[in-house]
Amino acid sequence: MKRICFLCLLISMSWVAQAADFSIQSEGGGQGYSYQDLWQHPKAETVSLPLLNYPGQELSVRVVPARELLKSLAIKDQDRLKFHCLDGYSGFLDPKLLLSQDPSRSEAYLAIEDPDNPWPPLPKKNNKDKVTAGPYYLVWKEPKKSNIPPEFWPYQLKGLELIKGSALPFAKLNPAHGLEAGSPIMQGFQVYQKRCMQCHTLNGEGPSTMGPDLNLPMNPTEYFKPAALRKFIKNPASVREWSDMKMRWVAENTWSDQDIEVLVAYLEHMASRKLTN
């Protein structure tokens, strides 16, 4: 019995050690948080929320308002937040979404998994190891208020990084110079940054390499028929499925037809801008 209890203690200690490395980085340094720091944060509370990656379920979770973790940073309007996840998922967020205190807008929280009462395994077909969304998960209260897309619910989150300035640090993603800001291509570029860049590279550049490159060696507009490509973006499983499919949870109603059209315009434009050097 003592050996079993000792083993349980080691497992518990291992979990806490894994959860101890959540950090928020900026040019001036950074702030690291242990599991205890977050669980016992003065603004921490337990709330019941429907969570995107647990469809049809409302879980009771311990959370800290995201704005409380960011308020010490000197964030300017043009800055971005980059998120990093344990599985390699990465992308950019507008800090204003996380800092908002406007009751008419969505509210962002960092959810903290309780090692003594872990969340359910993520309900996806290839989850053989029964991993959960923990130890940390960016979640939203009333996400429809701010039109929060599925890509802005990063789970297995390990940290946030403040990126100063508005310039995207991936020059090979940029459309040709001289395009009007309101053109379909430029609108599509904004959609790409918001919805696609968290998994895919384009011309070999991007914060994450979970999905295939969308321009090299071929652009999807070069091998999909137009109608099939639009259908695939809106509901990938309606076109094809594979065992490690990452886009499975992109529900059909999260893509507007307008966003799909401008995204396709951007991809078509980039098909003629294959940059390898």
C-alpha atoms as a PDB file:
ATOM      1  CA  MET A   1       0.000   0.000   0.000  1.00  0.00           C
ATOM      2  CA  LYS A   2       2.844   2.390   0.889  1.00  0.00           C
ATOM      3  CA  ARG A   3       4.442   1.764  -2.507  1.00  0.00           C
ATOM      4  CA  ILE A   4       1.139   2.522  -4.249  1.00  0.00           C
ATOM      5  CA  CYS A   5       0.688   5.745  -2.272  1.00  0.00           C
ATOM      6  CA  PHE A   6       4.278   6.751  -3.025  1.00  0.00           C
ATOM      7  CA  LEU A   7       3.665   6.129  -6.732  1.00  0.00           C
ATOM      8  CA  CYS A   8       0.517   8.264  -6.608  1.00  0.00           C
ATOM      9  CA  LEU A   9       2.529  11.025  -4.939  1.00  0.00           C
ATOM     10  CA  LEU A  10       5.165  10.867  -7.667  1.00  0.00           C
ATOM     11  CA  ILE A  11       2.503  11.076 -10.373  1.00  0.00           C
ATOM     12  CA  SER A  12       0.912  14.056  -8.661  1.00  0.00           C
ATOM     13  CA  MET A  13       4.297  15.782  -8.282  1.00  0.00           C
ATOM     14  CA  SER A  14       5.076  15.085 -11.937  1.00  0.00           C
ATOM     15  CA  TRP A  15       1.795  16.676 -13.020  1.00  0.00           C
ATOM     16  CA  VAL A  16       2.471  19.790 -10.936  1.00  0.00           C
ATOM     17  CA  ALA A  17       5.996  20.026 -12.357  1.00  0.00           C
ATOM     18  CA  GLN A  18       4.569  19.876 -15.878  1.00  0.00           C
ATOM     19  CA  ALA A  19       2.046  22.559 -15.008  1.00  0.00           C
ATOM     20  CA  ALA A  20       4.651  24.864 -13.451  1.00  0.00           C
ATOM     21  CA  ASP A  21       6.048  26.305 -16.657  1.00  0.00           C
ATOM     22  CA  PHE A  22       3.273  28.643 -17.795  1.00  0.00           C
ATOM     23  CA  SER A  23       4.850  31.949 -18.717  1.00  0.00           C
ATOM     24  CA  ILE A  24       4.100  35.336 -20.200  1.00  0.00           C
ATOM     25  CA  GLN A  25       7.066  36.758 -22.110  1.00  0.00           C
ATOM     26  CA  SER A  26       7.791  40.271 -23.365  1.00  0.00           C
ATOM     27  CA  GLU A  27      10.775  42.276 -24.584  1.00  0.00           C
ATOM     28  CA  GLY A  28      11.515  43.405 -21.046  1.00  0.00           C
ATOM     29  CA  GLY A  29      11.616  39.890 -19.631  1.00  0.00           C
ATOM     30  CA  GLY A  30       8.807  37.676 -18.494  1.00  0.00           C
ATOM     31  CA  GLN A  31       6.702  36.298 -15.705  1.00  0.00           C
ATOM     32  CA  GLY A  32       6.552  32.624 -14.838  1.00  0.00           C
ATOM     33  CA  TYR A  33       3.644  31.083 -12.959  1.00  0.00           C
ATOM     34  CA  SER A  34       3.493  27.841 -11.042  1.00  0.00           C
ATOM     35  CA  TYR A  35       0.313  25.819 -10.836  1.00  0.00           C
ATOM     36  CA  GLN A  36      -0.120  27.024  -7.257  1.00  0.00           C
ATOM     37  CA  ASP A  37       0.367  30.664  -8.310  1.00  0.00           C
ATOM     38  CA  LEU A  38      -2.522  30.409 -10.730  1.00  0.00           C
ATOM     39  CA  TRP A  39      -4.809  28.174  -8.666  1.00  0.00           C
ATOM     40  CA  GLN A  40      -4.469  30.501  -5.676  1.00  0.00           C
ATOM     41  CA  HIS A  41      -4.445  33.764  -7.661  1.00  0.00           C
ATOM     42  CA  PRO A  42      -6.437  36.491  -5.841  1.00  0.00           C
ATOM     43  CA  LYS A  43      -8.760  36.825  -8.835  1.00  0.00           C
ATOM     44  CA  ALA A  44      -9.185  33.078  -9.428  1.00  0.00           C
ATOM     45  CA  GLU A  45     -12.724  31.741  -9.311  1.00  0.00           C
ATOM     46  CA  THR A  46     -14.637  28.605 -10.197  1.00  0.00           C
ATOM     47  CA  VAL A  47     -17.148  29.046 -12.996  1.00  0.00           C
ATOM     48  CA  SER A  48     -19.330  26.809 -15.124  1.00  0.00           C
ATOM     49  CA  LEU A  49     -18.731  27.295 -18.844  1.00  0.00           C
ATOM     50  CA  PRO A  50     -19.514  25.519 -22.118  1.00  0.00           C
ATOM     51  CA  LEU A  51     -16.108  24.750 -23.628  1.00  0.00           C
ATOM     52  CA  LEU A  52     -15.500  24.582 -27.368  1.00  0.00           C
ATOM     53  CA  ASN A  53     -13.366  21.454 -27.323  1.00  0.00           C
ATOM     54  CA  TYR A  54     -15.882  19.586 -25.167  1.00  0.00           C
ATOM     55  CA  PRO A  55     -18.973  19.881 -27.378  1.00  0.00           C
ATOM     56  CA  GLY A  56     -22.303  19.649 -25.604  1.00  0.00           C
ATOM     57  CA  GLN A  57     -20.701  19.814 -22.161  1.00  0.00           C
ATOM     58  CA  GLU A  58     -20.588  22.540 -19.544  1.00  0.00           C
ATOM     59  CA  LEU A  59     -17.681  22.076 -17.153  1.00  0.00           C
ATOM     60  CA  SER A  60     -16.941  23.608 -13.783  1.00  0.00           C
ATOM     61  CA  VAL A  61     -13.437  25.058 -14.123  1.00  0.00           C
ATOM     62  CA  ARG A  62     -11.026  27.135 -12.079  1.00  0.00           C
ATOM     63  CA  VAL A  63     -10.130  30.286 -14.023  1.00  0.00           C
ATOM     64  CA  VAL A  64      -8.193  33.534 -13.805  1.00  0.00           C
ATOM     65  CA  PRO A  65      -9.333  36.469 -15.987  1.00  0.00           C
ATOM     66  CA  ALA A  66      -6.747  36.844 -18.757  1.00  0.00           C
ATOM     67  CA  ARG A  67      -6.612  40.601 -18.273  1.00  0.00           C
ATOM     68  CA  GLU A  68      -5.335  40.065 -14.711  1.00  0.00           C
ATOM     69  CA  LEU A  69      -2.308  38.190 -16.043  1.00  0.00           C
ATOM     70  CA  LEU A  70      -1.574  40.808 -18.708  1.00  0.00           C
ATOM     71  CA  LYS A  71      -2.180  44.068 -16.870  1.00  0.00           C
ATOM     72  CA  SER A  72       1.474  44.547 -15.909  1.00  0.00           C
ATOM     73  CA  LEU A  73       2.549  44.565 -19.573  1.00  0.00           C
ATOM     74  CA  ALA A  74       2.896  47.807 -21.519  1.00  0.00           C
ATOM     75  CA  ILE A  75       0.612  46.725 -24.362  1.00  0.00           C
ATOM     76  CA  LYS A  76      -0.029  49.145 -27.228  1.00  0.00           C
ATOM     77  CA  ASP A  77      -2.817  49.044 -29.809  1.00  0.00           C
ATOM     78  CA  GLN A  78      -0.625  47.640 -32.583  1.00  0.00           C
ATOM     79  CA  ASP A  79       0.924  44.848 -30.489  1.00  0.00           C
ATOM     80  CA  ARG A  80       0.081  41.153 -30.777  1.00  0.00           C
ATOM     81  CA  LEU A  81       0.031  38.220 -28.400  1.00  0.00           C
ATOM     82  CA  LYS A  82       1.520  34.963 -29.608  1.00  0.00           C
ATOM     83  CA  PHE A  83       0.336  31.789 -27.914  1.00  0.00           C
ATOM     84  CA  HIS A  84       2.344  28.582 -27.597  1.00  0.00           C
ATOM     85  CA  CYS A  85       0.888  25.125 -26.908  1.00  0.00           C
ATOM     86  CA  LEU A  86       2.468  21.845 -25.860  1.00  0.00           C
ATOM     87  CA  ASP A  87       1.426  20.116 -29.096  1.00  0.00           C
ATOM     88  CA  GLY A  88       3.058  22.756 -31.335  1.00  0.00           C
ATOM     89  CA  TYR A  89      -0.112  24.755 -32.013  1.00  0.00           C
ATOM     90  CA  SER A  90       0.745  28.465 -32.164  1.00  0.00           C
ATOM     91  CA  GLY A  91      -0.726  31.705 -33.445  1.00  0.00           C
ATOM     92  CA  PHE A  92      -1.493  35.341 -32.757  1.00  0.00           C
ATOM     93  CA  LEU A  93      -4.227  37.076 -30.781  1.00  0.00           C
ATOM     94  CA  ASP A  94      -5.290  40.697 -30.569  1.00  0.00           C
ATOM     95  CA  PRO A  95      -4.513  41.655 -26.934  1.00  0.00           C
ATOM     96  CA  LYS A  96      -7.589  43.882 -26.862  1.00  0.00           C
ATOM     97  CA  LEU A  97      -9.747  40.750 -26.915  1.00  0.00           C
ATOM     98  CA  LEU A  98      -8.111  39.489 -23.727  1.00  0.00           C
ATOM     99  CA  LEU A  99      -7.985  42.854 -21.963  1.00  0.00           C
ATOM    100  CA  SER A 100     -11.605  43.833 -22.554  1.00  0.00           C
ATOM    101  CA  GLN A 101     -13.811  44.649 -19.571  1.00  0.00           C
ATOM    102  CA  ASP A 102     -16.736  45.717 -21.747  1.00  0.00           C
ATOM    103  CA  PRO A 103     -19.797  43.655 -20.703  1.00  0.00           C
ATOM    104  CA  SER A 104     -20.985  43.712 -24.319  1.00  0.00           C
ATOM    105  CA  ARG A 105     -17.847  41.800 -25.374  1.00  0.00           C
ATOM    106  CA  SER A 106     -16.547  38.286 -24.739  1.00  0.00           C
ATOM    107  CA  GLU A 107     -14.389  37.725 -21.666  1.00  0.00           C
ATOM    108  CA  ALA A 108     -11.188  35.652 -21.802  1.00  0.00           C
ATOM    109  CA  TYR A 109     -10.014  33.375 -18.995  1.00  0.00           C
ATOM    110  CA  LEU A 110      -7.085  31.090 -18.388  1.00  0.00           C
ATOM    111  CA  ALA A 111      -8.604  27.811 -17.200  1.00  0.00           C
ATOM    112  CA  ILE A 112      -6.495  25.692 -14.834  1.00  0.00           C
ATOM    113  CA  GLU A 113      -6.915  21.935 -14.663  1.00  0.00           C
ATOM    114  CA  ASP A 114      -7.203  20.379 -11.207  1.00  0.00           C
ATOM    115  CA  PRO A 115      -4.785  17.403 -11.009  1.00  0.00           C
ATOM    116  CA  ASP A 116      -7.079  15.758  -8.453  1.00  0.00           C
ATOM    117  CA  ASN A 117     -10.093  16.125 -10.733  1.00  0.00           C
ATOM    118  CA  PRO A 118      -8.785  16.273 -14.316  1.00  0.00           C
ATOM    119  CA  TRP A 119     -10.942  17.298 -17.232  1.00  0.00           C
ATOM    120  CA  PRO A 120     -12.333  14.607 -19.547  1.00  0.00           C
ATOM    121  CA  PRO A 121     -10.140  13.375 -22.405  1.00  0.00           C
ATOM    122  CA  LEU A 122     -10.486  15.473 -25.534  1.00  0.00           C
ATOM    123  CA  PRO A 123     -13.251  13.890 -27.636  1.00  0.00           C
ATOM    124  CA  LYS A 124     -11.323  13.248 -30.830  1.00  0.00           C
ATOM    125  CA  LYS A 125     -10.832   9.979 -32.655  1.00  0.00           C
ATOM    126  CA  ASN A 126      -7.035   9.872 -32.480  1.00  0.00           C
ATOM    127  CA  ASN A 127      -6.775  10.591 -28.734  1.00  0.00           C
ATOM    128  CA  LYS A 128      -5.357   7.180 -27.801  1.00  0.00           C
ATOM    129  CA  ASP A 129      -3.447   8.648 -24.863  1.00  0.00           C
ATOM    130  CA  LYS A 130      -6.646  10.271 -23.550  1.00  0.00           C
ATOM    131  CA  VAL A 131      -5.042  13.693 -23.175  1.00  0.00           C
ATOM    132  CA  THR A 132      -7.156  16.529 -21.823  1.00  0.00           C
ATOM    133  CA  ALA A 133      -7.186  20.235 -22.675  1.00  0.00           C
ATOM    134  CA  GLY A 134      -4.985  20.896 -19.640  1.00  0.00           C
ATOM    135  CA  PRO A 135      -3.033  21.859 -17.816  1.00  0.00           C
ATOM    136  CA  TYR A 136      -4.012  25.309 -19.138  1.00  0.00           C
ATOM    137  CA  TYR A 137      -6.682  26.319 -21.636  1.00  0.00           C
ATOM    138  CA  LEU A 138      -7.704  29.750 -22.952  1.00  0.00           C
ATOM    139  CA  VAL A 139     -11.487  29.863 -22.706  1.00  0.00           C
ATOM    140  CA  TRP A 140     -14.160  32.469 -23.358  1.00  0.00           C
ATOM    141  CA  LYS A 141     -17.351  33.554 -21.681  1.00  0.00           C
ATOM    142  CA  GLU A 142     -20.042  34.300 -24.274  1.00  0.00           C
ATOM    143  CA  PRO A 143     -17.675  33.965 -27.276  1.00  0.00           C
ATOM    144  CA  LYS A 144     -20.330  34.982 -29.795  1.00  0.00           C
ATOM    145  CA  LYS A 145     -20.308  38.550 -28.485  1.00  0.00           C
ATOM    146  CA  SER A 146     -16.851  39.128 -30.015  1.00  0.00           C
ATOM    147  CA  ASN A 147     -17.110  36.506 -32.786  1.00  0.00           C
ATOM    148  CA  ILE A 148     -14.323  34.429 -31.232  1.00  0.00           C
ATOM    149  CA  PRO A 149     -13.297  31.743 -33.760  1.00  0.00           C
ATOM    150  CA  PRO A 150     -12.363  28.160 -32.785  1.00  0.00           C
ATOM    151  CA  GLU A 151      -8.691  28.933 -33.407  1.00  0.00           C
ATOM    152  CA  PHE A 152      -8.707  31.311 -30.423  1.00  0.00           C
ATOM    153  CA  TRP A 153      -9.391  28.490 -27.919  1.00  0.00           C
ATOM    154  CA  PRO A 154      -5.835  27.108 -27.578  1.00  0.00           C
ATOM    155  CA  TYR A 155      -5.667  24.165 -25.201  1.00  0.00           C
ATOM    156  CA  GLN A 156      -2.585  22.571 -23.596  1.00  0.00           C
ATOM    157  CA  LEU A 157      -1.395  26.161 -23.451  1.00  0.00           C
ATOM    158  CA  LYS A 158       2.122  26.700 -22.113  1.00  0.00           C
ATOM    159  CA  GLY A 159       2.588  30.436 -22.524  1.00  0.00           C
ATOM    160  CA  LEU A 160       1.907  33.796 -24.113  1.00  0.00           C
ATOM    161  CA  GLU A 161       4.418  36.118 -25.747  1.00  0.00           C
ATOM    162  CA  LEU A 162       3.958  39.843 -26.378  1.00  0.00           C
ATOM    163  CA  ILE A 163       5.081  40.795 -29.893  1.00  0.00           C
ATOM    164  CA  LYS A 164       5.669  44.532 -30.269  1.00  0.00           C
ATOM    165  CA  GLY A 165       4.430  46.304 -33.386  1.00  0.00           C
ATOM    166  CA  SER A 166       1.940  45.397 -36.075  1.00  0.00           C
ATOM    167  CA  ALA A 167       4.312  43.910 -38.659  1.00  0.00           C
ATOM    168  CA  LEU A 168       3.862  40.174 -39.120  1.00  0.00           C
ATOM    169  CA  PRO A 169       7.259  38.475 -38.630  1.00  0.00           C
ATOM    170  CA  PHE A 170       6.734  36.283 -41.709  1.00  0.00           C
ATOM    171  CA  ALA A 171       7.446  38.332 -44.837  1.00  0.00           C
ATOM    172  CA  LYS A 172       6.751  35.478 -47.268  1.00  0.00           C
ATOM    173  CA  LEU A 173       3.070  35.516 -46.293  1.00  0.00           C
ATOM    174  CA  ASN A 174       2.611  39.076 -47.511  1.00  0.00           C
ATOM    175  CA  PRO A 175       0.595  39.771 -50.675  1.00  0.00           C
ATOM    176  CA  ALA A 176       2.087  41.928 -53.421  1.00  0.00           C
ATOM    177  CA  HIS A 177       2.715  45.575 -52.587  1.00  0.00           C
ATOM    178  CA  GLY A 178       0.230  48.213 -53.670  1.00  0.00           C
ATOM    179  CA  LEU A 179      -3.029  46.361 -53.020  1.00  0.00           C
ATOM    180  CA  GLU A 180      -5.815  48.381 -51.434  1.00  0.00           C
ATOM    181  CA  ALA A 181      -6.505  47.529 -47.799  1.00  0.00           C
ATOM    182  CA  GLY A 182     -10.153  46.758 -48.562  1.00  0.00           C
ATOM    183  CA  SER A 183      -9.462  44.497 -51.539  1.00  0.00           C
ATOM    184  CA  PRO A 184     -10.586  40.843 -51.339  1.00  0.00           C
ATOM    185  CA  ILE A 185      -6.946  39.712 -51.295  1.00  0.00           C
ATOM    186  CA  MET A 186      -6.031  41.901 -48.328  1.00  0.00           C
ATOM    187  CA  GLN A 187      -9.221  40.933 -46.514  1.00  0.00           C
ATOM    188  CA  GLY A 188      -8.334  37.308 -47.182  1.00  0.00           C
ATOM    189  CA  PHE A 189      -4.867  37.884 -45.755  1.00  0.00           C
ATOM    190  CA  GLN A 190      -6.491  39.027 -42.506  1.00  0.00           C
ATOM    191  CA  VAL A 191      -8.704  35.921 -42.465  1.00  0.00           C
ATOM    192  CA  TYR A 192      -5.665  33.720 -43.098  1.00  0.00           C
ATOM    193  CA  GLN A 193      -3.871  35.230 -40.098  1.00  0.00           C
ATOM    194  CA  LYS A 194      -6.918  34.768 -37.901  1.00  0.00           C
ATOM    195  CA  ARG A 195      -8.062  31.311 -38.990  1.00  0.00           C
ATOM    196  CA  CYS A 196      -5.286  29.366 -40.759  1.00  0.00           C
ATOM    197  CA  MET A 197      -1.868  30.431 -39.529  1.00  0.00           C
ATOM    198  CA  GLN A 198      -2.205  28.580 -36.202  1.00  0.00           C
ATOM    199  CA  CYS A 199      -1.602  25.257 -37.973  1.00  0.00           C
ATOM    200  CA  HIS A 200      -0.279  25.954 -41.463  1.00  0.00           C
ATOM    201  CA  THR A 201       2.792  27.505 -42.997  1.00  0.00           C
ATOM    202  CA  LEU A 202       2.711  29.272 -46.351  1.00  0.00           C
ATOM    203  CA  ASN A 203       5.890  29.576 -48.400  1.00  0.00           C
ATOM    204  CA  GLY A 204       7.539  27.769 -45.498  1.00  0.00           C
ATOM    205  CA  GLU A 205       6.741  30.487 -42.960  1.00  0.00           C
ATOM    206  CA  GLY A 206       4.408  30.671 -39.979  1.00  0.00           C
ATOM    207  CA  PRO A 207       4.359  30.107 -36.224  1.00  0.00           C
ATOM    208  CA  SER A 208       3.252  26.468 -36.451  1.00  0.00           C
ATOM    209  CA  THR A 209       3.921  23.443 -38.648  1.00  0.00           C
ATOM    210  CA  MET A 210       1.064  21.178 -37.541  1.00  0.00           C
ATOM    211  CA  GLY A 211      -0.612  21.238 -40.948  1.00  0.00           C
ATOM    212  CA  PRO A 212       0.731  21.129 -44.512  1.00  0.00           C
ATOM    213  CA  ASP A 213       2.144  24.188 -46.235  1.00  0.00           C
ATOM    214  CA  LEU A 214      -0.541  26.007 -48.219  1.00  0.00           C
ATOM    215  CA  ASN A 215       1.653  27.122 -51.120  1.00  0.00           C
ATOM    216  CA  LEU A 216       4.558  24.680 -51.433  1.00  0.00           C
ATOM    217  CA  PRO A 217       4.837  22.625 -53.450  1.00  0.00           C
ATOM    218  CA  MET A 218       1.242  23.359 -54.505  1.00  0.00           C
ATOM    219  CA  ASN A 219      -1.451  25.767 -53.393  1.00  0.00           C
ATOM    220  CA  PRO A 220      -4.871  24.200 -52.618  1.00  0.00           C
ATOM    221  CA  THR A 221      -6.408  26.382 -55.340  1.00  0.00           C
ATOM    222  CA  GLU A 222      -4.231  24.437 -57.794  1.00  0.00           C
ATOM    223  CA  TYR A 223      -5.543  20.970 -56.948  1.00  0.00           C
ATOM    224  CA  PHE A 224      -9.057  21.540 -55.574  1.00  0.00           C
ATOM    225  CA  LYS A 225     -11.974  22.356 -57.808  1.00  0.00           C
ATOM    226  CA  PRO A 226     -13.439  25.718 -56.693  1.00  0.00           C
ATOM    227  CA  ALA A 227     -16.633  24.291 -55.182  1.00  0.00           C
ATOM    228  CA  ALA A 228     -14.769  21.470 -53.415  1.00  0.00           C
ATOM    229  CA  LEU A 229     -12.248  23.890 -51.901  1.00  0.00           C
ATOM    230  CA  ARG A 230     -14.985  26.085 -50.461  1.00  0.00           C
ATOM    231  CA  LYS A 231     -16.761  23.027 -49.084  1.00  0.00           C
ATOM    232  CA  PHE A 232     -13.519  21.731 -47.575  1.00  0.00           C
ATOM    233  CA  ILE A 233     -12.820  25.031 -45.787  1.00  0.00           C
ATOM    234  CA  LYS A 234     -16.332  25.176 -44.374  1.00  0.00           C
ATOM    235  CA  ASN A 235     -16.590  21.530 -43.326  1.00  0.00           C
ATOM    236  CA  PRO A 236     -13.446  19.460 -44.012  1.00  0.00           C
ATOM    237  CA  ALA A 237     -15.016  16.150 -43.018  1.00  0.00           C
ATOM    238  CA  SER A 238     -17.617  16.559 -45.766  1.00  0.00           C
ATOM    239  CA  VAL A 239     -14.818  16.224 -48.344  1.00  0.00           C
ATOM    240  CA  ARG A 240     -12.324  13.849 -46.746  1.00  0.00           C
ATOM    241  CA  GLU A 241     -11.177  12.555 -43.365  1.00  0.00           C
ATOM    242  CA  TRP A 242      -7.905  11.214 -42.016  1.00  0.00           C
ATOM    243  CA  SER A 243      -6.828   9.767 -38.678  1.00  0.00           C
ATOM    244  CA  ASP A 244      -4.936  12.814 -37.382  1.00  0.00           C
ATOM    245  CA  MET A 245      -7.382  15.400 -38.667  1.00  0.00           C
ATOM    246  CA  LYS A 246      -6.916  18.711 -36.816  1.00  0.00           C
ATOM    247  CA  MET A 247      -9.759  20.652 -38.474  1.00  0.00           C
ATOM    248  CA  ARG A 248     -12.478  18.289 -37.263  1.00  0.00           C
ATOM    249  CA  TRP A 249     -13.836  20.715 -34.668  1.00  0.00           C
ATOM    250  CA  VAL A 250     -14.239  23.667 -37.026  1.00  0.00           C
ATOM    251  CA  ALA A 251     -18.024  23.646 -36.950  1.00  0.00           C
ATOM    252  CA  GLU A 252     -19.777  24.539 -40.179  1.00  0.00           C
ATOM    253  CA  ASN A 253     -21.394  27.705 -38.870  1.00  0.00           C
ATOM    254  CA  THR A 254     -18.086  29.286 -37.796  1.00  0.00           C
ATOM    255  CA  TRP A 255     -17.168  30.225 -41.385  1.00  0.00           C
ATOM    256  CA  SER A 256     -19.081  32.929 -43.195  1.00  0.00           C
ATOM    257  CA  ASP A 257     -19.336  32.678 -46.968  1.00  0.00           C
ATOM    258  CA  GLN A 258     -17.683  36.109 -47.199  1.00  0.00           C
ATOM    259  CA  ASP A 259     -14.656  34.969 -45.197  1.00  0.00           C
ATOM    260  CA  ILE A 260     -14.287  31.902 -47.404  1.00  0.00           C
ATOM    261  CA  GLU A 261     -14.452  33.965 -50.594  1.00  0.00           C
ATOM    262  CA  VAL A 262     -11.773  36.439 -49.522  1.00  0.00           C
ATOM    263  CA  LEU A 263      -9.564  33.637 -48.158  1.00  0.00           C
ATOM    264  CA  VAL A 264      -9.730  31.886 -51.527  1.00  0.00           C
ATOM    265  CA  ALA A 265      -8.853  35.206 -53.213  1.00  0.00           C
ATOM    266  CA  TYR A 266      -5.749  35.452 -51.017  1.00  0.00           C
ATOM    267  CA  LEU A 267      -4.738  31.837 -51.688  1.00  0.00           C
ATOM    268  CA  GLU A 268      -5.211  32.278 -55.442  1.00  0.00           C
ATOM    269  CA  HIS A 269      -3.045  35.391 -55.304  1.00  0.00           C
ATOM    270  CA  MET A 270      -0.315  33.624 -53.339  1.00  0.00           C
ATOM    271  CA  ALA A 271      -0.235  30.725 -55.812  1.00  0.00           C
ATOM    272  CA  SER A 272       1.713  33.063 -58.100  1.00  0.00           C
ATOM    273  CA  ARG A 273       4.030  34.106 -55.252  1.00  0.00           C
ATOM    274  CA  LYS A 274       5.869  30.907 -54.391  1.00  0.00           C
ATOM    275  CA  LEU A 275       8.846  32.158 -52.398  1.00  0.00           C
ATOM    276  CA  THR A 276      11.402  29.574 -51.348  1.00  0.00           C
ATOM    277  CA  ASN A 277      14.435  31.755 -50.580  1.00  0.00           C
END
